[in-house]
Amino acid sequence: MSALVSRLVASLLSVAACAAQPTIRAIDFFAYADVDIDGLRNNLPIRPGDPWTSETNQLLRSRLEELLGRSPSDVTAVCCDEDGNWIVYIGLADSSGSRVRLNPQPTELLELDADLVTLYDRFEETVRHAVSRGDGLVSEDHSLGYPLSHDADIRGLQQRIREYALSNSSRLFEVSRKSSNALHRGIAIDAIGYGLHSADQIGALTHSALDPDPTVRNNAIRALSVLASSQVELQAPIPYAVFVDLLASGVWEDRNKSVALLSKLTEDRDPGLLEAIFQRALAPLVECARLSWSGHAYHARIILGRIGGLDEAIVLAEAWNSAFVDVVLDSIQRSRAR
């Protein structure tokens, strides 16, 4: 298996909508603190409108190291906007002073059953085939608390993953926490997302949200987002502190997935959660809200609107507009000055 499945599937489903030779729509920075973004941007070897290739990626990383005197925390090209163009996200975080403390690297020689690995291989191949048929974005139903594709072949394999997870939860929990193999940890935590809804499930997913491997983290946070957006009754609250801190991560997927989860968790406008975001992560949230493409900025703007106390209908309608960010920040400033 070439990659951890949940992250790969998300990429494959998006790539179906992309052009054969990707074109860069925008280049956005995050976690930039005191870096002169305009000066950095002017010295990059790429511009919007240029093609994006693996060679472009390496050239960009090398130039960033020259300009920064260190490696960027992330360089990710994300597919796609409504026209099939890619957005390049460059993380500039310096690890010193970060509040994000990842779990120690697990060390035990634990692996999953070959049957489950084979099942995920088939799952990956089935998704690839669906994309190659030109089916476009294969949508999912999250109402049951785990993803079920509307594509019959993919859904059948997801149901088999669910059956395995229900019968082998102890093994999945053990591998997700203890295995030194990131690939197997990633499969395990993805499968846990299909398992029995319980406090243990939420605990395992939250633990893996701080895994040292970014793809394992991605799988865990995505599974929690599916749970949070489902119609099932959660057996325990999803602890939000981890995801508030991950808003300041120097890795794009940590931020993107945490924003999506927190947009669900803030729907009831819990004052403790909104205050925690304001006190601990307002600056990175604003960075996310100011991203060039509204498709990636929308959920951050929704969270800002809730912090600002704006009416929910107005927030949902206006968050597509980039000017909404300044409106909300003005509202927050005025309300805090009272």
Protein backbone atom coordinates (compact mmCIF):
# COMPACT_ATOMS: atom_id res chain seq x y z
CA MET A 1 0.00 0.00 0.00
CA SER A 2 1.53 3.26 -1.12
CA ALA A 3 -0.12 5.60 1.38
CA LEU A 4 -2.44 5.72 4.35
CA VAL A 5 -5.86 5.20 2.94
CA SER A 6 -8.03 7.96 4.35
CA ARG A 7 -5.63 10.70 3.26
CA LEU A 8 -5.09 9.03 -0.10
CA VAL A 9 -8.79 8.58 -0.75
CA ALA A 10 -9.46 12.24 -0.02
CA SER A 11 -6.70 13.16 -2.47
CA LEU A 12 -7.95 10.80 -5.16
CA LEU A 13 -11.53 12.01 -4.90
CA SER A 14 -10.35 15.60 -5.27
CA VAL A 15 -7.92 14.88 -8.09
CA ALA A 16 -10.82 13.66 -10.20
CA ALA A 17 -11.86 17.28 -10.59
CA CYS A 18 -8.38 18.59 -11.42
CA ALA A 19 -6.80 19.39 -14.72
CA ALA A 20 -4.33 16.94 -16.26
CA GLN A 21 -1.54 19.44 -15.71
CA PRO A 22 -2.36 21.31 -12.51
CA THR A 23 -2.17 25.09 -12.56
CA ILE A 24 -1.47 27.14 -9.44
CA ARG A 25 -4.39 29.38 -8.48
CA ALA A 26 -2.79 30.97 -5.41
CA ILE A 27 0.16 30.73 -3.04
CA ASP A 28 -0.79 31.25 0.59
CA PHE A 29 1.37 31.36 3.71
CA PHE A 30 0.49 30.37 7.25
CA ALA A 31 2.24 30.34 10.62
CA TYR A 32 4.30 33.27 9.39
CA ALA A 33 4.62 35.37 12.59
CA ASP A 34 7.22 38.09 11.87
CA VAL A 35 8.26 36.92 8.39
CA ASP A 36 8.06 39.53 5.61
CA ILE A 37 5.51 37.71 3.49
CA ASP A 38 5.52 40.19 0.60
CA GLY A 39 9.30 40.06 0.33
CA LEU A 40 9.28 36.28 0.49
CA ARG A 41 6.55 35.99 -2.13
CA ASN A 42 8.43 38.27 -4.54
CA ASN A 43 11.47 35.99 -4.40
CA LEU A 44 9.70 32.69 -5.01
CA PRO A 45 10.44 30.78 -8.24
CA ILE A 46 6.73 30.23 -8.92
CA ARG A 47 3.70 32.45 -9.47
CA PRO A 48 -0.05 31.92 -9.78
CA GLY A 49 -0.77 30.63 -13.27
CA ASP A 50 2.36 28.45 -13.35
CA PRO A 51 2.04 24.66 -13.65
CA TRP A 52 2.58 22.53 -10.55
CA THR A 53 4.79 19.43 -10.79
CA SER A 54 7.00 17.39 -8.47
CA GLU A 55 9.95 19.35 -9.83
CA THR A 56 8.19 22.61 -8.93
CA ASN A 57 7.71 21.32 -5.39
CA GLN A 58 11.40 20.55 -4.94
CA LEU A 59 12.49 23.85 -6.52
CA LEU A 60 10.16 25.76 -4.20
CA ARG A 61 11.38 23.95 -1.10
CA SER A 62 15.02 24.58 -2.00
CA ARG A 63 14.40 28.29 -2.61
CA LEU A 64 12.49 28.64 0.66
CA GLU A 65 15.40 27.10 2.57
CA GLU A 66 17.73 29.67 0.99
CA LEU A 67 15.43 32.57 1.83
CA LEU A 68 14.51 31.47 5.35
CA GLY A 69 17.79 29.91 6.44
CA ARG A 70 15.78 26.86 7.52
CA SER A 71 13.25 24.44 6.10
CA PRO A 72 9.62 25.50 5.84
CA SER A 73 7.33 23.59 8.19
CA ASP A 74 5.16 22.53 5.25
CA VAL A 75 4.73 22.88 1.51
CA THR A 76 1.45 21.41 0.29
CA ALA A 77 -0.32 21.74 -3.05
CA VAL A 78 -4.04 21.15 -2.58
CA CYS A 79 -6.51 20.20 -5.29
CA CYS A 80 -8.80 21.82 -6.31
CA ASP A 81 -10.80 25.02 -6.63
CA GLU A 82 -13.99 25.20 -8.70
CA ASP A 83 -11.93 25.53 -11.90
CA GLY A 84 -9.61 22.60 -11.16
CA ASN A 85 -6.66 24.78 -10.11
CA TRP A 86 -4.38 24.02 -7.18
CA ILE A 87 -3.58 26.15 -4.14
CA VAL A 88 -0.08 26.02 -2.66
CA TYR A 89 0.14 26.36 1.13
CA ILE A 90 3.49 27.20 2.69
CA GLY A 91 3.96 26.80 6.43
CA LEU A 92 6.65 28.95 8.05
CA ALA A 93 6.36 27.81 11.66
CA ASP A 94 9.41 27.71 13.89
CA SER A 95 8.99 24.75 16.24
CA SER A 96 10.34 26.71 19.20
CA GLY A 97 7.56 27.89 21.46
CA SER A 98 4.87 25.75 19.83
CA ARG A 99 2.09 24.63 22.14
CA VAL A 100 1.56 21.48 20.08
CA ARG A 101 3.22 18.54 21.81
CA LEU A 102 2.99 15.41 19.72
CA ASN A 103 2.95 11.93 21.20
CA PRO A 104 6.27 10.10 21.53
CA GLN A 105 7.15 7.81 18.65
CA PRO A 106 5.65 4.35 19.42
CA THR A 107 8.24 1.57 19.52
CA GLU A 108 6.48 -1.80 19.63
CA LEU A 109 6.68 -4.19 16.67
CA LEU A 110 2.94 -4.54 16.21
CA GLU A 111 1.20 -4.94 12.88
CA LEU A 112 -2.35 -5.48 11.71
CA ASP A 113 -3.75 -8.69 10.31
CA ALA A 114 -2.90 -9.25 6.66
CA ASP A 115 -6.63 -9.55 5.91
CA LEU A 116 -7.27 -5.96 6.96
CA VAL A 117 -4.26 -4.62 5.05
CA THR A 118 -5.49 -6.51 1.96
CA LEU A 119 -8.97 -5.06 2.46
CA TYR A 120 -7.53 -1.55 2.53
CA ASP A 121 -5.50 -2.33 -0.60
CA ARG A 122 -8.75 -3.25 -2.33
CA PHE A 123 -10.41 -0.13 -0.97
CA GLU A 124 -7.63 2.03 -2.38
CA GLU A 125 -7.79 0.33 -5.76
CA THR A 126 -11.59 0.62 -5.91
CA VAL A 127 -11.39 4.35 -5.26
CA ARG A 128 -8.73 4.69 -7.95
CA HIS A 129 -11.00 2.85 -10.37
CA ALA A 130 -13.97 5.06 -9.53
CA VAL A 131 -11.84 8.13 -10.20
CA SER A 132 -10.49 6.71 -13.48
CA ARG A 133 -14.08 6.20 -14.67
CA GLY A 134 -14.53 9.93 -14.37
CA ASP A 135 -17.11 9.70 -11.62
CA GLY A 136 -15.86 12.97 -10.17
CA LEU A 137 -16.27 13.62 -6.48
CA VAL A 138 -17.67 10.49 -4.86
CA SER A 139 -19.81 11.90 -2.06
CA GLU A 140 -20.24 10.25 1.32
CA ASP A 141 -23.02 9.88 3.87
CA HIS A 142 -21.83 10.62 7.43
CA SER A 143 -25.17 10.28 9.21
CA LEU A 144 -24.27 6.97 10.89
CA GLY A 145 -21.02 8.30 12.36
CA TYR A 146 -18.71 6.71 9.80
CA PRO A 147 -18.27 7.40 6.07
CA LEU A 148 -20.35 5.51 3.52
CA SER A 149 -19.76 6.35 -0.12
CA HIS A 150 -22.64 6.68 -2.56
CA ASP A 151 -20.56 4.53 -4.93
CA ALA A 152 -21.78 0.96 -4.40
CA ASP A 153 -18.38 -0.74 -4.75
CA ILE A 154 -16.64 1.64 -2.36
CA ARG A 155 -19.53 1.45 0.10
CA GLY A 156 -19.37 -2.35 0.13
CA LEU A 157 -15.72 -2.26 1.19
CA GLN A 158 -16.44 0.39 3.82
CA GLN A 159 -19.11 -1.88 5.27
CA ARG A 160 -16.54 -4.68 5.47
CA ILE A 161 -14.16 -2.34 7.30
CA ARG A 162 -16.99 -1.60 9.70
CA GLU A 163 -17.56 -5.33 10.31
CA TYR A 164 -13.87 -5.86 10.99
CA ALA A 165 -13.71 -2.89 13.35
CA LEU A 166 -16.68 -4.13 15.37
CA SER A 167 -15.05 -7.55 15.85
CA ASN A 168 -11.43 -6.49 16.41
CA SER A 169 -11.57 -3.26 18.37
CA SER A 170 -8.99 -4.28 21.00
CA ARG A 171 -6.37 -5.04 18.37
CA LEU A 172 -7.07 -1.81 16.51
CA PHE A 173 -6.76 0.24 19.70
CA GLU A 174 -3.47 -1.45 20.56
CA VAL A 175 -1.90 -0.97 17.12
CA SER A 176 -3.05 2.65 16.88
CA ARG A 177 -1.26 3.54 20.13
CA LYS A 178 1.77 1.25 20.22
CA SER A 179 2.88 0.21 16.73
CA SER A 180 6.15 1.65 15.45
CA ASN A 181 4.75 1.30 11.91
CA ALA A 182 3.01 4.55 10.92
CA LEU A 183 1.24 2.87 8.00
CA HIS A 184 -0.40 0.35 10.31
CA ARG A 185 -1.22 3.00 12.92
CA GLY A 186 -2.93 5.00 10.19
CA ILE A 187 -5.01 2.08 8.98
CA ALA A 188 -5.90 1.15 12.56
CA ILE A 189 -7.13 4.62 13.48
CA ASP A 190 -9.05 4.91 10.22
CA ALA A 191 -10.76 1.59 10.97
CA ILE A 192 -11.52 2.69 14.55
CA GLY A 193 -13.55 5.49 13.00
CA TYR A 194 -15.82 2.79 11.53
CA GLY A 195 -16.15 0.98 14.85
CA LEU A 196 -18.49 0.99 17.81
CA HIS A 197 -19.40 4.48 18.98
CA SER A 198 -18.05 4.75 22.51
CA ALA A 199 -16.03 6.88 24.87
CA ASP A 200 -13.07 4.59 24.07
CA GLN A 201 -13.43 5.34 20.37
CA ILE A 202 -13.38 9.09 20.98
CA GLY A 203 -10.42 8.68 23.34
CA ALA A 204 -8.43 6.70 20.76
CA LEU A 205 -9.18 9.19 17.98
CA THR A 206 -8.24 12.15 20.17
CA HIS A 207 -5.00 10.45 21.22
CA SER A 208 -4.04 9.80 17.58
CA ALA A 209 -4.79 13.42 16.68
CA LEU A 210 -1.36 14.07 18.24
CA ASP A 211 0.44 11.14 16.56
CA PRO A 212 3.98 11.97 15.36
CA ASP A 213 2.93 11.05 11.81
CA PRO A 214 0.86 13.76 10.06
CA THR A 215 -1.22 11.29 8.07
CA VAL A 216 -2.24 9.40 11.19
CA ARG A 217 -3.29 12.73 12.69
CA ASN A 218 -5.26 13.52 9.53
CA ASN A 219 -7.13 10.19 9.69
CA ALA A 220 -7.98 10.66 13.37
CA ILE A 221 -9.28 14.22 13.05
CA ARG A 222 -11.27 13.36 9.94
CA ALA A 223 -12.97 10.49 11.79
CA LEU A 224 -13.86 12.84 14.65
CA SER A 225 -15.30 15.34 12.17
CA VAL A 226 -17.48 12.60 10.67
CA LEU A 227 -18.71 11.72 14.17
CA ALA A 228 -19.37 15.36 15.04
CA SER A 229 -21.39 15.89 11.86
CA SER A 230 -23.40 12.65 12.20
CA GLN A 231 -26.82 11.98 13.63
CA VAL A 232 -25.54 9.58 16.31
CA GLU A 233 -25.49 10.48 19.99
CA LEU A 234 -21.88 10.87 21.09
CA GLN A 235 -20.94 8.64 24.01
CA ALA A 236 -18.50 11.24 25.34
CA PRO A 237 -17.74 14.86 24.52
CA ILE A 238 -14.95 15.46 22.01
CA PRO A 239 -12.22 17.27 23.98
CA TYR A 240 -11.60 20.50 22.13
CA ALA A 241 -8.31 21.74 23.67
CA VAL A 242 -6.17 19.54 21.38
CA PHE A 243 -7.76 20.99 18.27
CA VAL A 244 -7.61 24.57 19.47
CA ASP A 245 -3.84 24.15 19.82
CA LEU A 246 -3.58 22.39 16.43
CA LEU A 247 -4.94 25.55 14.82
CA ALA A 248 -1.43 26.94 15.34
CA SER A 249 0.29 23.91 13.77
CA GLY A 250 2.88 24.44 11.07
CA VAL A 251 1.31 21.60 9.04
CA TRP A 252 -1.49 22.50 6.66
CA GLU A 253 -3.61 19.37 7.20
CA ASP A 254 -3.53 19.79 11.00
CA ARG A 255 -4.99 23.26 10.61
CA ASN A 256 -7.45 22.41 7.86
CA LYS A 257 -8.89 19.36 9.61
CA SER A 258 -8.99 21.08 13.02
CA VAL A 259 -10.87 24.06 11.58
CA ALA A 260 -13.43 21.68 10.03
CA LEU A 261 -13.90 19.86 13.34
CA LEU A 262 -14.11 23.04 15.41
CA SER A 263 -16.69 24.49 13.03
CA LYS A 264 -18.93 21.58 14.04
CA LEU A 265 -18.06 21.77 17.75
CA THR A 266 -18.87 25.50 17.90
CA GLU A 267 -22.36 25.10 16.44
CA ASP A 268 -23.93 25.31 19.90
CA ARG A 269 -21.70 28.32 20.69
CA ASP A 270 -20.30 26.86 23.89
CA PRO A 271 -18.82 29.97 25.57
CA GLY A 272 -15.88 28.03 27.03
CA LEU A 273 -14.82 26.75 23.61
CA LEU A 274 -15.26 30.12 21.90
CA GLU A 275 -13.25 31.83 24.63
CA ALA A 276 -10.50 29.19 24.38
CA ILE A 277 -10.17 29.81 20.64
CA PHE A 278 -10.14 33.58 21.19
CA GLN A 279 -7.48 33.41 23.92
CA ARG A 280 -5.27 30.67 22.48
CA ALA A 281 -5.66 30.65 18.71
CA LEU A 282 -7.20 33.85 17.37
CA ALA A 283 -4.17 34.78 15.22
CA PRO A 284 -3.89 31.41 13.43
CA LEU A 285 -7.67 31.31 13.02
CA VAL A 286 -7.54 34.70 11.30
CA GLU A 287 -4.76 33.39 9.06
CA CYS A 288 -7.06 30.55 8.03
CA ALA A 289 -9.97 32.96 7.51
CA ARG A 290 -7.87 35.15 5.19
CA LEU A 291 -6.86 32.32 2.84
CA SER A 292 -7.28 33.20 -0.83
CA TRP A 293 -9.84 30.55 -1.68
CA SER A 294 -13.10 30.78 0.23
CA GLY A 295 -13.56 27.03 -0.04
CA HIS A 296 -10.74 26.62 2.49
CA ALA A 297 -11.41 29.81 4.46
CA TYR A 298 -15.17 29.37 4.95
CA HIS A 299 -15.18 27.29 8.15
CA ALA A 300 -12.61 29.54 9.84
CA ARG A 301 -14.78 32.55 9.03
CA ILE A 302 -17.79 30.77 10.53
CA ILE A 303 -15.90 30.20 13.79
CA LEU A 304 -14.84 33.87 13.82
CA GLY A 305 -18.43 34.94 13.30
CA ARG A 306 -19.54 32.87 16.27
CA ILE A 307 -16.78 34.34 18.44
CA GLY A 308 -18.04 37.77 17.36
CA GLY A 309 -21.58 36.89 18.39
CA LEU A 310 -23.10 37.47 14.96
CA ASP A 311 -26.41 35.91 14.02
CA GLU A 312 -25.92 32.38 12.66
CA ALA A 313 -27.87 32.97 9.45
CA ILE A 314 -25.73 36.02 8.68
CA VAL A 315 -22.54 34.10 9.46
CA LEU A 316 -23.39 31.19 7.16
CA ALA A 317 -24.43 33.49 4.33
CA GLU A 318 -21.62 36.03 4.53
CA ALA A 319 -18.65 33.78 5.34
CA TRP A 320 -18.06 33.18 1.62
CA ASN A 321 -17.04 36.84 1.31
CA SER A 322 -13.43 37.68 2.24
CA ALA A 323 -14.55 41.13 3.49
CA PHE A 324 -16.51 39.32 6.22
CA VAL A 325 -13.27 38.78 8.17
CA ASP A 326 -12.74 42.50 8.83
CA VAL A 327 -16.41 42.94 9.72
CA VAL A 328 -16.15 40.20 12.33
CA LEU A 329 -12.84 41.40 13.75
CA ASP A 330 -14.34 44.86 14.16
CA SER A 331 -17.32 43.32 15.96
CA ILE A 332 -15.03 41.32 18.25
CA GLN A 333 -12.95 44.40 19.07
CA ARG A 334 -16.01 46.51 19.87
CA SER A 335 -17.60 43.81 22.02
CA ARG A 336 -14.38 43.28 23.99
CA ALA A 337 -13.95 47.01 24.56
CA ARG A 338 -17.27 47.32 26.41
